[in-house]
Each structure stands twice: as C-alpha cells, then as structure tokens.
C-alpha atoms as a PDB file:
ATOM      1  CA  MET A   1      91.614  91.580 117.412  1.00  0.00           C
ATOM      2  CA  PRO A   2      89.655  89.095 115.434  1.00  0.00           C
ATOM      3  CA  SER A   3      90.439  85.486 116.388  1.00  0.00           C
ATOM      4  CA  TYR A   4      90.326  82.608 113.938  1.00  0.00           C
ATOM      5  CA  ASP A   5      90.780  79.075 114.183  1.00  0.00           C
ATOM      6  CA  ARG A   6      94.402  78.834 113.239  1.00  0.00           C
ATOM      7  CA  GLU A   7      93.927  74.902 113.420  1.00  0.00           C
ATOM      8  CA  LYS A   8      91.290  74.517 110.958  1.00  0.00           C
ATOM      9  CA  ALA A   9      93.498  77.170 108.588  1.00  0.00           C
ATOM     10  CA  ASP A  10      96.923  75.156 108.892  1.00  0.00           C
ATOM     11  CA  LYS A  11      94.753  71.838 107.512  1.00  0.00           C
ATOM     12  CA  CYS A  12      93.454  74.273 104.668  1.00  0.00           C
ATOM     13  CA  ALA A  13      95.501  73.087 101.755  1.00  0.00           C
ATOM     14  CA  HIS A  14      94.561  76.658 100.398  1.00  0.00           C
ATOM     15  CA  SER A  15      93.205  79.788 103.014  1.00  0.00           C
ATOM     16  CA  TYR A  16      90.340  80.278 100.469  1.00  0.00           C
ATOM     17  CA  GLU A  17      89.067  77.109 101.686  1.00  0.00           C
ATOM     18  CA  LEU A  18      87.904  78.214 105.151  1.00  0.00           C
ATOM     19  CA  LEU A  19      84.978  80.952 102.951  1.00  0.00           C
ATOM     20  CA  ARG A  20      82.346  78.131 101.503  1.00  0.00           C
ATOM     21  CA  PRO A  21      78.843  78.303 102.469  1.00  0.00           C
ATOM     22  CA  VAL A  22      76.876  76.643 105.432  1.00  0.00           C
ATOM     23  CA  ASP A  23      75.906  74.030 102.653  1.00  0.00           C
ATOM     24  CA  ALA A  24      79.474  73.215 100.688  1.00  0.00           C
ATOM     25  CA  ALA A  25      78.448  71.451  98.111  1.00  0.00           C
ATOM     26  CA  HIS A  26      79.153  71.906  94.726  1.00  0.00           C
ATOM     27  CA  ILE A  27      80.909  74.476  94.326  1.00  0.00           C
ATOM     28  CA  ALA A  28      82.332  74.887  91.134  1.00  0.00           C
ATOM     29  CA  TYR A  29      84.608  78.173  91.090  1.00  0.00           C
ATOM     30  CA  PRO A  30      85.738  78.533  94.669  1.00  0.00           C
ATOM     31  CA  ARG A  31      88.612  81.345  93.572  1.00  0.00           C
ATOM     32  CA  VAL A  32      85.429  83.457  91.348  1.00  0.00           C
ATOM     33  CA  TRP A  33      83.352  84.922  93.141  1.00  0.00           C
ATOM     34  CA  ILE A  34      80.717  87.100  91.355  1.00  0.00           C
ATOM     35  CA  GLY A  35      80.903  91.114  91.540  1.00  0.00           C
ATOM     36  CA  THR A  36      76.913  92.723  92.325  1.00  0.00           C
ATOM     37  CA  TRP A  37      77.780  96.194  91.705  1.00  0.00           C
ATOM     38  CA  SER A  38      76.655  97.182  88.536  1.00  0.00           C
ATOM     39  CA  MET A  39      73.521  94.669  88.355  1.00  0.00           C
ATOM     40  CA  GLY A  40      71.898  96.770  90.962  1.00  0.00           C
ATOM     41  CA  GLY A  41      70.036  99.293  87.984  1.00  0.00           C
ATOM     42  CA  GLU A  42      73.208 102.468  89.041  1.00  0.00           C
ATOM     43  CA  GLY A  43      76.120 103.772  87.562  1.00  0.00           C
ATOM     44  CA  PHE A  44      76.898 101.742  84.558  1.00  0.00           C
ATOM     45  CA  GLY A  45      75.192 102.776  81.550  1.00  0.00           C
ATOM     46  CA  PRO A  46      71.722 101.174  80.656  1.00  0.00           C
ATOM     47  CA  HIS A  47      69.948  98.297  82.396  1.00  0.00           C
ATOM     48  CA  ASP A  48      67.965  95.005  81.925  1.00  0.00           C
ATOM     49  CA  LEU A  49      66.733  94.040  86.146  1.00  0.00           C
ATOM     50  CA  GLY A  50      65.601  90.763  83.868  1.00  0.00           C
ATOM     51  CA  GLU A  51      68.999  90.148  82.819  1.00  0.00           C
ATOM     52  CA  SER A  52      70.513  90.667  85.808  1.00  0.00           C
ATOM     53  CA  VAL A  53      68.326  87.710  87.676  1.00  0.00           C
ATOM     54  CA  LYS A  54      69.328  85.415  84.751  1.00  0.00           C
ATOM     55  CA  THR A  55      73.039  86.351  84.867  1.00  0.00           C
ATOM     56  CA  LEU A  56      72.878  85.141  88.759  1.00  0.00           C
ATOM     57  CA  GLU A  57      71.177  82.118  87.950  1.00  0.00           C
ATOM     58  CA  LYS A  58      73.207  80.994  85.418  1.00  0.00           C
ATOM     59  CA  ALA A  59      75.738  81.499  87.836  1.00  0.00           C
ATOM     60  CA  TYR A  60      74.314  79.398  90.312  1.00  0.00           C
ATOM     61  CA  GLN A  61      73.097  76.815  87.050  1.00  0.00           C
ATOM     62  CA  LEU A  62      76.993  76.411  86.785  1.00  0.00           C
ATOM     63  CA  GLY A  63      77.802  75.823  90.198  1.00  0.00           C
ATOM     64  CA  PHE A  64      79.089  79.239  91.197  1.00  0.00           C
ATOM     65  CA  ARG A  65      78.340  79.846  95.046  1.00  0.00           C
ATOM     66  CA  HIS A  66      79.744  82.782  96.156  1.00  0.00           C
ATOM     67  CA  PHE A  67      78.161  86.581  95.644  1.00  0.00           C
ATOM     68  CA  ASP A  68      79.481  90.165  96.330  1.00  0.00           C
ATOM     69  CA  THR A  69      77.683  92.894  97.873  1.00  0.00           C
ATOM     70  CA  ALA A  70      77.773  95.785  99.212  1.00  0.00           C
ATOM     71  CA  GLY A  71      75.103  98.075 101.132  1.00  0.00           C
ATOM     72  CA  PHE A  72      76.611 100.962  99.033  1.00  0.00           C
ATOM     73  CA  TYR A  73      75.890  99.354  95.613  1.00  0.00           C
ATOM     74  CA  ALA A  74      72.479 100.950  94.229  1.00  0.00           C
ATOM     75  CA  ASN A  75      71.902 102.095  97.679  1.00  0.00           C
ATOM     76  CA  GLY A  76      70.899  98.229  98.593  1.00  0.00           C
ATOM     77  CA  ARG A  77      69.580  97.275  95.648  1.00  0.00           C
ATOM     78  CA  SER A  78      71.532  95.084  94.592  1.00  0.00           C
ATOM     79  CA  GLU A  79      71.262  93.415  98.049  1.00  0.00           C
ATOM     80  CA  GLU A  80      67.841  93.113  97.189  1.00  0.00           C
ATOM     81  CA  LEU A  81      68.279  91.178  94.143  1.00  0.00           C
ATOM     82  CA  LEU A  82      69.571  88.797  95.825  1.00  0.00           C
ATOM     83  CA  ALA A  83      67.583  88.334  97.789  1.00  0.00           C
ATOM     84  CA  LYS A  84      65.173  88.021  95.661  1.00  0.00           C
ATOM     85  CA  VAL A  85      67.636  85.392  93.212  1.00  0.00           C
ATOM     86  CA  PHE A  86      68.685  83.213  95.958  1.00  0.00           C
ATOM     87  CA  GLY A  87      65.890  82.958  99.134  1.00  0.00           C
ATOM     88  CA  ARG A  88      65.381  79.582  98.839  1.00  0.00           C
ATOM     89  CA  VAL A  89      68.701  78.697  98.636  1.00  0.00           C
ATOM     90  CA  ARG A  90      70.153  80.419 101.399  1.00  0.00           C
ATOM     91  CA  LYS A  91      72.449  77.960 103.004  1.00  0.00           C
ATOM     92  CA  ARG A  92      74.097  77.002  99.564  1.00  0.00           C
ATOM     93  CA  ILE A  93      75.745  80.306  98.425  1.00  0.00           C
ATOM     94  CA  PHE A  94      78.095  82.472 100.371  1.00  0.00           C
ATOM     95  CA  ILE A  95      77.170  86.009 100.670  1.00  0.00           C
ATOM     96  CA  SER A  96      80.070  88.848 101.293  1.00  0.00           C
ATOM     97  CA  THR A  97      79.031  92.061 101.911  1.00  0.00           C
ATOM     98  CA  LYS A  98      79.722  95.572 103.208  1.00  0.00           C
ATOM     99  CA  GLY A  99      79.436  98.684 105.869  1.00  0.00           C
ATOM    100  CA  GLY A 100      81.235 101.592 106.917  1.00  0.00           C
ATOM    101  CA  LEU A 101      80.590 103.291 103.341  1.00  0.00           C
ATOM    102  CA  TRP A 102      77.497 105.526 103.108  1.00  0.00           C
ATOM    103  CA  ARG A 103      75.473 107.469 100.475  1.00  0.00           C
ATOM    104  CA  GLU A 104      73.004 110.261  99.563  1.00  0.00           C
ATOM    105  CA  GLY A 105      72.255 111.329  96.565  1.00  0.00           C
ATOM    106  CA  ARG A 106      75.908 112.827  95.942  1.00  0.00           C
ATOM    107  CA  ARG A 107      77.372 112.461  98.878  1.00  0.00           C
ATOM    108  CA  VAL A 108      78.945 110.082 100.061  1.00  0.00           C
ATOM    109  CA  TRP A 109      80.922 109.886 103.499  1.00  0.00           C
ATOM    110  CA  HIS A 110      82.767 107.219 105.872  1.00  0.00           C
ATOM    111  CA  ASP A 111      80.894 106.032 109.142  1.00  0.00           C
ATOM    112  CA  ALA A 112      82.718 102.814 110.714  1.00  0.00           C
ATOM    113  CA  ARG A 113      81.747 103.654 114.385  1.00  0.00           C
ATOM    114  CA  PRO A 114      80.945 100.247 115.981  1.00  0.00           C
ATOM    115  CA  GLU A 115      77.239 101.598 116.255  1.00  0.00           C
ATOM    116  CA  ALA A 116      77.171 102.640 111.462  1.00  0.00           C
ATOM    117  CA  LEU A 117      78.797  99.355 111.672  1.00  0.00           C
ATOM    118  CA  ARG A 118      75.697  97.652 113.737  1.00  0.00           C
ATOM    119  CA  GLN A 119      73.439  99.865 111.862  1.00  0.00           C
ATOM    120  CA  ALA A 120      74.585  99.108 108.668  1.00  0.00           C
ATOM    121  CA  LEU A 121      74.975  95.095 109.678  1.00  0.00           C
ATOM    122  CA  PHE A 122      70.896  95.132 110.160  1.00  0.00           C
ATOM    123  CA  GLU A 123      70.371  96.740 106.944  1.00  0.00           C
ATOM    124  CA  SER A 124      71.512  94.821 105.069  1.00  0.00           C
ATOM    125  CA  LEU A 125      70.211  91.284 107.045  1.00  0.00           C
ATOM    126  CA  ASP A 126      67.001  93.176 105.990  1.00  0.00           C
ATOM    127  CA  ARG A 127      67.289  93.816 103.107  1.00  0.00           C
ATOM    128  CA  LEU A 128      69.180  90.072 101.921  1.00  0.00           C
ATOM    129  CA  ARG A 129      66.027  88.673 103.852  1.00  0.00           C
ATOM    130  CA  THR A 130      68.581  86.498 105.630  1.00  0.00           C
ATOM    131  CA  ASP A 131      69.255  85.796 109.908  1.00  0.00           C
ATOM    132  CA  TYR A 132      73.445  85.860 109.289  1.00  0.00           C
ATOM    133  CA  LEU A 133      75.808  87.283 106.963  1.00  0.00           C
ATOM    134  CA  ASP A 134      78.736  84.604 105.743  1.00  0.00           C
ATOM    135  CA  LEU A 135      81.265  87.558 105.407  1.00  0.00           C
ATOM    136  CA  PHE A 136      81.009  90.728 106.349  1.00  0.00           C
ATOM    137  CA  GLN A 137      83.378  93.531 105.787  1.00  0.00           C
ATOM    138  CA  LEU A 138      84.909  97.062 106.348  1.00  0.00           C
ATOM    139  CA  HIS A 139      84.458  98.305 103.221  1.00  0.00           C
ATOM    140  CA  TRP A 140      87.038 101.339 103.157  1.00  0.00           C
ATOM    141  CA  PRO A 141      88.582 102.734 106.133  1.00  0.00           C
ATOM    142  CA  ASP A 142      86.932 105.595 108.121  1.00  0.00           C
ATOM    143  CA  PRO A 143      89.994 108.125 108.791  1.00  0.00           C
ATOM    144  CA  ASN A 144      88.097 109.808 111.999  1.00  0.00           C
ATOM    145  CA  VAL A 145      87.551 106.073 113.869  1.00  0.00           C
ATOM    146  CA  PRO A 146      90.901 103.867 114.538  1.00  0.00           C
ATOM    147  CA  LEU A 147      90.923 100.625 112.870  1.00  0.00           C
ATOM    148  CA  GLU A 148      91.106  98.393 115.366  1.00  0.00           C
ATOM    149  CA  GLU A 149      87.651  99.779 117.219  1.00  0.00           C
ATOM    150  CA  SER A 150      86.601  99.691 114.018  1.00  0.00           C
ATOM    151  CA  LEU A 151      87.689  95.619 114.082  1.00  0.00           C
ATOM    152  CA  GLY A 152      86.625  95.129 117.351  1.00  0.00           C
ATOM    153  CA  ALA A 153      82.853  96.285 116.196  1.00  0.00           C
ATOM    154  CA  LEU A 154      82.879  93.358 113.722  1.00  0.00           C
ATOM    155  CA  GLU A 155      84.067  90.901 116.133  1.00  0.00           C
ATOM    156  CA  GLU A 156      81.229  91.559 118.417  1.00  0.00           C
ATOM    157  CA  LEU A 157      79.269  91.108 115.575  1.00  0.00           C
ATOM    158  CA  LYS A 158      80.598  87.865 114.930  1.00  0.00           C
ATOM    159  CA  GLN A 159      80.096  87.001 118.024  1.00  0.00           C
ATOM    160  CA  GLU A 160      76.877  87.153 118.708  1.00  0.00           C
ATOM    161  CA  GLY A 161      76.000  84.857 115.286  1.00  0.00           C
ATOM    162  CA  LEU A 162      74.792  87.339 113.360  1.00  0.00           C
ATOM    163  CA  VAL A 163      78.254  86.813 111.094  1.00  0.00           C
ATOM    164  CA  ARG A 164      80.441  84.033 109.710  1.00  0.00           C
ATOM    165  CA  PHE A 165      83.748  85.649 108.989  1.00  0.00           C
ATOM    166  CA  ILE A 166      84.282  89.546 109.412  1.00  0.00           C
ATOM    167  CA  GLY A 167      87.237  91.152 106.481  1.00  0.00           C
ATOM    168  CA  VAL A 168      87.845  94.600 105.701  1.00  0.00           C
ATOM    169  CA  GLY A 169      89.437  96.300 102.437  1.00  0.00           C
ATOM    170  CA  ASN A 170      90.914  98.963 100.591  1.00  0.00           C
ATOM    171  CA  LEU A 171      93.980  98.632 103.048  1.00  0.00           C
ATOM    172  CA  THR A 172      97.571  99.758 102.321  1.00  0.00           C
ATOM    173  CA  GLY A 173     100.579  97.511 103.283  1.00  0.00           C
ATOM    174  CA  GLU A 174     101.895  99.554 105.763  1.00  0.00           C
ATOM    175  CA  VAL A 175      97.968  99.733 107.650  1.00  0.00           C
ATOM    176  CA  ILE A 176      98.237  96.167 107.446  1.00  0.00           C
ATOM    177  CA  ARG A 177     101.394  95.316 108.592  1.00  0.00           C
ATOM    178  CA  LYS A 178     100.626  97.806 111.878  1.00  0.00           C
ATOM    179  CA  PHE A 179      97.210  96.044 112.719  1.00  0.00           C
ATOM    180  CA  ILE A 180      96.684  93.061 110.777  1.00  0.00           C
ATOM    181  CA  GLU A 181      98.568  90.397 112.693  1.00  0.00           C
ATOM    182  CA  PRO A 182     100.059  87.001 111.656  1.00  0.00           C
ATOM    183  CA  GLY A 183      97.428  84.262 111.113  1.00  0.00           C
ATOM    184  CA  MET A 184      95.180  86.266 111.391  1.00  0.00           C
ATOM    185  CA  LEU A 185      93.733  85.266 107.271  1.00  0.00           C
ATOM    186  CA  ILE A 186      91.497  87.928 107.108  1.00  0.00           C
ATOM    187  CA  PRO A 187      89.591  88.291 103.861  1.00  0.00           C
ATOM    188  CA  HIS A 188      90.419  91.864 102.587  1.00  0.00           C
ATOM    189  CA  GLN A 189      89.547  92.975  99.398  1.00  0.00           C
ATOM    190  CA  VAL A 190      91.890  95.340  97.141  1.00  0.00           C
ATOM    191  CA  HIS A 191      91.419  96.702  93.186  1.00  0.00           C
ATOM    192  CA  PHE A 192      94.168  94.893  91.665  1.00  0.00           C
ATOM    193  CA  ASN A 193      94.977  94.635  87.608  1.00  0.00           C
ATOM    194  CA  PRO A 194      97.420  94.687  85.108  1.00  0.00           C
ATOM    195  CA  ILE A 195      97.026  98.339  84.566  1.00  0.00           C
ATOM    196  CA  CYS A 196      96.404  98.870  88.031  1.00  0.00           C
ATOM    197  CA  THR A 197      99.314  97.733  90.127  1.00  0.00           C
ATOM    198  CA  LYS A 198      99.317 100.267  92.660  1.00  0.00           C
ATOM    199  CA  HIS A 199      98.036  98.212  95.355  1.00  0.00           C
ATOM    200  CA  VAL A 200     100.213  95.309  95.135  1.00  0.00           C
ATOM    201  CA  ASP A 201     102.241  96.174  98.027  1.00  0.00           C
ATOM    202  CA  GLY A 202      98.640  95.327 100.395  1.00  0.00           C
ATOM    203  CA  LEU A 203      98.569  91.924  98.468  1.00  0.00           C
ATOM    204  CA  LYS A 204     102.011  90.927  99.401  1.00  0.00           C
ATOM    205  CA  ALA A 205     101.380  92.145 102.663  1.00  0.00           C
ATOM    206  CA  GLY A 206      98.106  89.731 103.389  1.00  0.00           C
ATOM    207  CA  ARG A 207     100.756  87.150 102.308  1.00  0.00           C
ATOM    208  CA  GLU A 208     103.075  87.987 104.202  1.00  0.00           C
ATOM    209  CA  GLY A 209     102.380  85.792 107.954  1.00  0.00           C
ATOM    210  CA  ALA A 210      99.314  84.586 106.031  1.00  0.00           C
ATOM    211  CA  ARG A 211      97.574  87.979 107.138  1.00  0.00           C
ATOM    212  CA  CYS A 212      94.900  88.259 104.873  1.00  0.00           C
ATOM    213  CA  ILE A 213      93.343  86.360 102.505  1.00  0.00           C
ATOM    214  CA  ASN A 214      93.403  88.279  99.034  1.00  0.00           C
ATOM    215  CA  CYS A 215      90.648  88.941  96.931  1.00  0.00           C
ATOM    216  CA  VAL A 216      90.563  91.157  93.906  1.00  0.00           C
ATOM    217  CA  THR A 217      88.100  93.506  93.171  1.00  0.00           C
ATOM    218  CA  SER A 218      88.177  94.620  89.489  1.00  0.00           C
ATOM    219  CA  PRO A 219      90.067  92.373  88.117  1.00  0.00           C
ATOM    220  CA  PHE A 220      88.463  93.761  84.356  1.00  0.00           C
ATOM    221  CA  GLU A 221      88.589  96.895  85.132  1.00  0.00           C
ATOM    222  CA  GLN A 222      84.900  98.116  85.155  1.00  0.00           C
ATOM    223  CA  GLY A 223      84.601  96.258  81.601  1.00  0.00           C
ATOM    224  CA  LEU A 224      87.882  98.027  79.975  1.00  0.00           C
ATOM    225  CA  LEU A 225      90.023  94.839  79.607  1.00  0.00           C
ATOM    226  CA  VAL A 226      88.031  92.856  78.624  1.00  0.00           C
ATOM    227  CA  ASN A 227      85.708  94.955  75.641  1.00  0.00           C
ATOM    228  CA  PRO A 228      87.512  96.893  73.297  1.00  0.00           C
ATOM    229  CA  VAL A 229      84.384  98.573  72.599  1.00  0.00           C
ATOM    230  CA  TYR A 230      84.937 100.490  75.698  1.00  0.00           C
ATOM    231  CA  LEU A 231      88.453 101.509  73.823  1.00  0.00           C
ATOM    232  CA  LYS A 232      86.406 104.214  71.282  1.00  0.00           C
ATOM    233  CA  LYS A 233      82.535 104.333  73.598  1.00  0.00           C
ATOM    234  CA  ARG A 234      80.895 107.875  75.251  1.00  0.00           C
ATOM    235  CA  LEU A 235      80.071 106.970  78.119  1.00  0.00           C
ATOM    236  CA  GLY A 236      76.533 108.292  79.228  1.00  0.00           C
ATOM    237  CA  LYS A 237      76.603 111.270  81.728  1.00  0.00           C
ATOM    238  CA  LYS A 238      75.690 109.279  84.417  1.00  0.00           C
ATOM    239  CA  ASP A 239      78.672 106.376  83.686  1.00  0.00           C
ATOM    240  CA  VAL A 240      80.656 105.436  87.175  1.00  0.00           C
ATOM    241  CA  ARG A 241      83.677 105.077  84.546  1.00  0.00           C
ATOM    242  CA  ASN A 242      83.754 108.201  83.322  1.00  0.00           C
ATOM    243  CA  ARG A 243      85.364 108.682  86.895  1.00  0.00           C
ATOM    244  CA  ASN A 244      87.757 105.880  86.024  1.00  0.00           C
ATOM    245  CA  PRO A 245      91.156 107.926  85.505  1.00  0.00           C
ATOM    246  CA  LEU A 246      92.073 104.470  82.954  1.00  0.00           C
ATOM    247  CA  PHE A 247      89.791 104.426  80.169  1.00  0.00           C
ATOM    248  CA  ARG A 248      90.740 108.447  78.897  1.00  0.00           C
ATOM    249  CA  ASP A 249      94.829 106.821  79.897  1.00  0.00           C
ATOM    250  CA  THR A 250      96.275 107.184  76.193  1.00  0.00           C
ATOM    251  CA  THR A 251      99.358 105.110  76.895  1.00  0.00           C
ATOM    252  CA  VAL A 252      96.637 102.638  78.384  1.00  0.00           C
ATOM    253  CA  ILE A 253      94.142 102.837  75.438  1.00  0.00           C
ATOM    254  CA  SER A 254      96.974 102.079  72.877  1.00  0.00           C
ATOM    255  CA  ARG A 255      98.191  98.895  75.084  1.00  0.00           C
ATOM    256  CA  LEU A 256      94.986  97.536  75.834  1.00  0.00           C
ATOM    257  CA  ARG A 257      94.650  97.315  71.609  1.00  0.00           C
ATOM    258  CA  GLN A 258      97.269  95.495  71.254  1.00  0.00           C
ATOM    259  CA  PHE A 259      96.690  92.890  74.255  1.00  0.00           C
ATOM    260  CA  PHE A 260      92.728  92.750  72.351  1.00  0.00           C
ATOM    261  CA  ARG A 261      94.528  92.000  69.029  1.00  0.00           C
ATOM    262  CA  GLU A 262      96.823  89.585  70.625  1.00  0.00           C
ATOM    263  CA  CYS A 263      93.772  87.615  72.159  1.00  0.00           C
ATOM    264  CA  LYS A 264      92.439  87.822  68.418  1.00  0.00           C
ATOM    265  CA  GLN A 265      95.446  85.820  66.750  1.00  0.00           C
ATOM    266  CA  GLN A 266      96.228  83.743  69.727  1.00  0.00           C
ATOM    267  CA  ASN A 267      91.794  82.492  69.015  1.00  0.00           C
ATOM    268  CA  VAL A 268      91.859  83.167  72.877  1.00  0.00           C
ATOM    269  CA  GLY A 269      89.525  85.102  74.998  1.00  0.00           C
ATOM    270  CA  PRO A 270      90.673  88.447  76.988  1.00  0.00           C
ATOM    271  CA  ALA A 271      88.785  87.294  80.238  1.00  0.00           C
ATOM    272  CA  ALA A 272      90.221  83.852  80.189  1.00  0.00           C
ATOM    273  CA  VAL A 273      93.709  86.015  79.663  1.00  0.00           C
ATOM    274  CA  ILE A 274      92.865  87.862  82.482  1.00  0.00           C
ATOM    275  CA  LEU A 275      91.686  85.303  85.277  1.00  0.00           C
ATOM    276  CA  SER A 276      95.274  83.785  84.251  1.00  0.00           C
ATOM    277  CA  TRP A 277      97.340  86.440  84.673  1.00  0.00           C
ATOM    278  CA  LEU A 278      95.554  87.179  88.013  1.00  0.00           C
ATOM    279  CA  LEU A 279      95.031  83.413  89.185  1.00  0.00           C
ATOM    280  CA  ASN A 280      98.358  82.776  88.862  1.00  0.00           C
ATOM    281  CA  ARG A 281      99.667  85.357  91.074  1.00  0.00           C
ATOM    282  CA  ASP A 282     101.062  84.236  94.752  1.00  0.00           C
ATOM    283  CA  GLU A 283      99.743  86.401  96.441  1.00  0.00           C
ATOM    284  CA  VAL A 284      96.116  86.826  94.306  1.00  0.00           C
ATOM    285  CA  ASP A 285      93.217  84.182  96.797  1.00  0.00           C
ATOM    286  CA  ILE A 286      89.924  84.861  95.097  1.00  0.00           C
ATOM    287  CA  VAL A 287      89.122  86.868  92.023  1.00  0.00           C
ATOM    288  CA  ILE A 288      85.710  89.116  92.206  1.00  0.00           C
ATOM    289  CA  PRO A 289      84.524  90.048  87.951  1.00  0.00           C
ATOM    290  CA  GLY A 290      81.677  91.338  87.901  1.00  0.00           C
ATOM    291  CA  PRO A 291      79.399  90.102  84.541  1.00  0.00           C
ATOM    292  CA  ARG A 292      75.854  91.259  84.315  1.00  0.00           C
ATOM    293  CA  ARG A 293      75.023  89.249  81.382  1.00  0.00           C
ATOM    294  CA  PRO A 294      74.285  85.083  81.151  1.00  0.00           C
ATOM    295  CA  LYS A 295      76.768  84.757  78.326  1.00  0.00           C
ATOM    296  CA  GLN A 296      79.639  86.901  81.218  1.00  0.00           C
ATOM    297  CA  ILE A 297      78.822  84.139  83.376  1.00  0.00           C
ATOM    298  CA  GLU A 298      80.212  81.168  80.210  1.00  0.00           C
ATOM    299  CA  GLU A 299      83.078  83.302  79.101  1.00  0.00           C
ATOM    300  CA  LEU A 300      84.839  83.161  83.363  1.00  0.00           C
ATOM    301  CA  VAL A 301      83.956  79.376  83.204  1.00  0.00           C
ATOM    302  CA  ASP A 302      85.846  78.765  80.008  1.00  0.00           C
ATOM    303  CA  GLY A 303      88.395  80.912  81.332  1.00  0.00           C
ATOM    304  CA  VAL A 304      88.788  79.754  84.427  1.00  0.00           C
ATOM    305  CA  GLY A 305      89.521  76.552  82.181  1.00  0.00           C
ATOM    306  CA  LYS A 306      92.303  77.925  80.264  1.00  0.00           C
ATOM    307  CA  VAL A 307      93.830  79.271  82.961  1.00  0.00           C
ATOM    308  CA  ASP A 308      96.862  76.789  82.177  1.00  0.00           C
ATOM    309  CA  SER A 309      96.893  77.446  79.015  1.00  0.00           C
ATOM    310  CA  HIS A 310     100.153  77.577  76.931  1.00  0.00           C
ATOM    311  CA  GLU A 311      98.636  80.505  74.645  1.00  0.00           C
ATOM    312  CA  VAL A 312      96.192  81.958  77.447  1.00  0.00           C
ATOM    313  CA  LYS A 313      99.867  82.476  79.497  1.00  0.00           C
ATOM    314  CA  ASN A 314     101.896  83.384  76.705  1.00  0.00           C
ATOM    315  CA  VAL A 315      99.492  86.721  76.136  1.00  0.00           C
ATOM    316  CA  GLY A 316      99.378  87.745  79.458  1.00  0.00           C
ATOM    317  CA  MET A 317     102.926  87.828  79.951  1.00  0.00           C
ATOM    318  CA  ARG A 318     103.103  90.629  77.353  1.00  0.00           C
ATOM    319  CA  PHE A 319     101.225  92.334  80.690  1.00  0.00           C
END
C-alpha cells in the first residue's frame, strides 16, 4: 500500500497543508483549487480560449496556486492549457491530474492496469511540459482491476520520483474503509454539494482515522448552484450538463429559485453561500470549483472572505 510521512502529517494543523507546491510561497487559498475541466473547450457550451487564459492568470495573480486537471478533460487540452499559462512558474504551482479513465470519440472506458496508468502519466507529463506531477490520481476505480493493484502502480511512480503525491477518486465509503488504511491521508476527490449529498459516506469514511484528504468536486454543480440562468436556459446538444439529471429535477429547481431569492434579499453571492456550506463542514478539506471567466475568480475570492459571515451562513442553513 502507499506510504506516507505520518510524522510530517501529525505536525500539520490541517491535512490539506501537506499538498503544497515545491515553491510554497504566496499561497492565499490552500483550500480552494481551480478545476479546469470546462476550460478545455469541450462539453460546456461556447468556449473562448483567450478567456480561459485570462481566468488562469487572474487566479494566479490573486493567490491561487492549486490547479486540478485530467488527461480525460477535453482529450488533454485542459492539461495543455496549464502548460501554456504556467510554464515559467512551474514550481510555484501545484498541479493535480488523473489517469485510468479513457475516451475515443463518444466511447469512454476504464483502464487502471499498472501499464495503463504509467502510460497515462507520461502522456500527461508531455502535455503539461513538466518532468514531475505534484499529484497523480486514479480518476475512477476500474471494476476489472483490483484497487490495491492500481494503488501499487501509483506508489511505484511516486517512488521513481515522477509524482510527489498520489490520490484516488470516486470511492465509496465501504471501499475506503476496506482498502485505505488509517493515517494514510491520501487525497480523495468526490462529488459533493448541497444538492448532491449521496457521497457523504465516502467523505465521512475518509475522515475516520485520517484515511483521506477530502477534496470536493463539482461544488457548484456545473454552475446550477450559482447561476439562476440555468434554471430556465436550454443547453446545447453537446453540452455535458444535458446528462445531469439535477438540471431537470423540478424539486431541485424549485428549491434553487427560493435560494436565489434569499441570496438577493440578504445581498450575498450564491458562490459565497456554497463555499461557506462546504468549507465549514468537518469532513471537507478542499473544494475544487471550475471557473471559466476572470469575474468568477473574483467571486471565489469574495466568497472565501465571507465563509464565516453571519448572513452567508444564515442563507446556507436552508439547505
């Protein structure tokens, strides 16, 4: 099984502090990472590459240093975007990417065999134009490959100096309790937010015995939780959000109409409320939103600054 420096972990006040860039200066928001799935130009409506570049530059300018991506995202273009923007400051940023999930056209499949994960790693290194990754994760468990075999392969890559940290994604609480040993503090990415709580047991299992550093993906549910336009907007045929049932759930839509009204009445931004709801939960260490415009980076900064605001918490209590 993967090995971790327990002594170092014990000295950390918060487990997320373990996950820092090589040059760890000027990190303003260690608990908020910038997700790049929607920046790759595929699956989220009209795309402006220049706007994506400006968004990443704004994030760096304001103190964000953690950027999450995957070879699966837009066939690697999200990784290439990070290389384009951050090539000159590589050691000052923390890049997490993923392997084990593959696609060709509309076909998507799992392959987390050791040789496949090694191939995915080297392809990511090429696209990111770097000789190491800060964090390399198993995107999804492969039903045809024992989890311990995939984890062992990741550990080998770490021992070879290609990866600083290894992680997992989308594990159930049952799997975590069975395969992730107490004290491992392995980063685990899981989908969770106020309208998608079905994975809360995975977060709780990760917290038990310091098994995982819990990293929440889709905190804003692909924009649905922060932009009221999606309550009535028709998405394009190729938009991946067409496959998200929450965008068509009448109970959710009704609930969010009331949520946006309350945000307006209290003069607080929806992003601030959701960030507060998540970051104040004991089982959440890190949140990974996916901004697409510089203005959304500013909204994140504003939201983090209001995490403990009474008005923000008051609205968040409605969930």
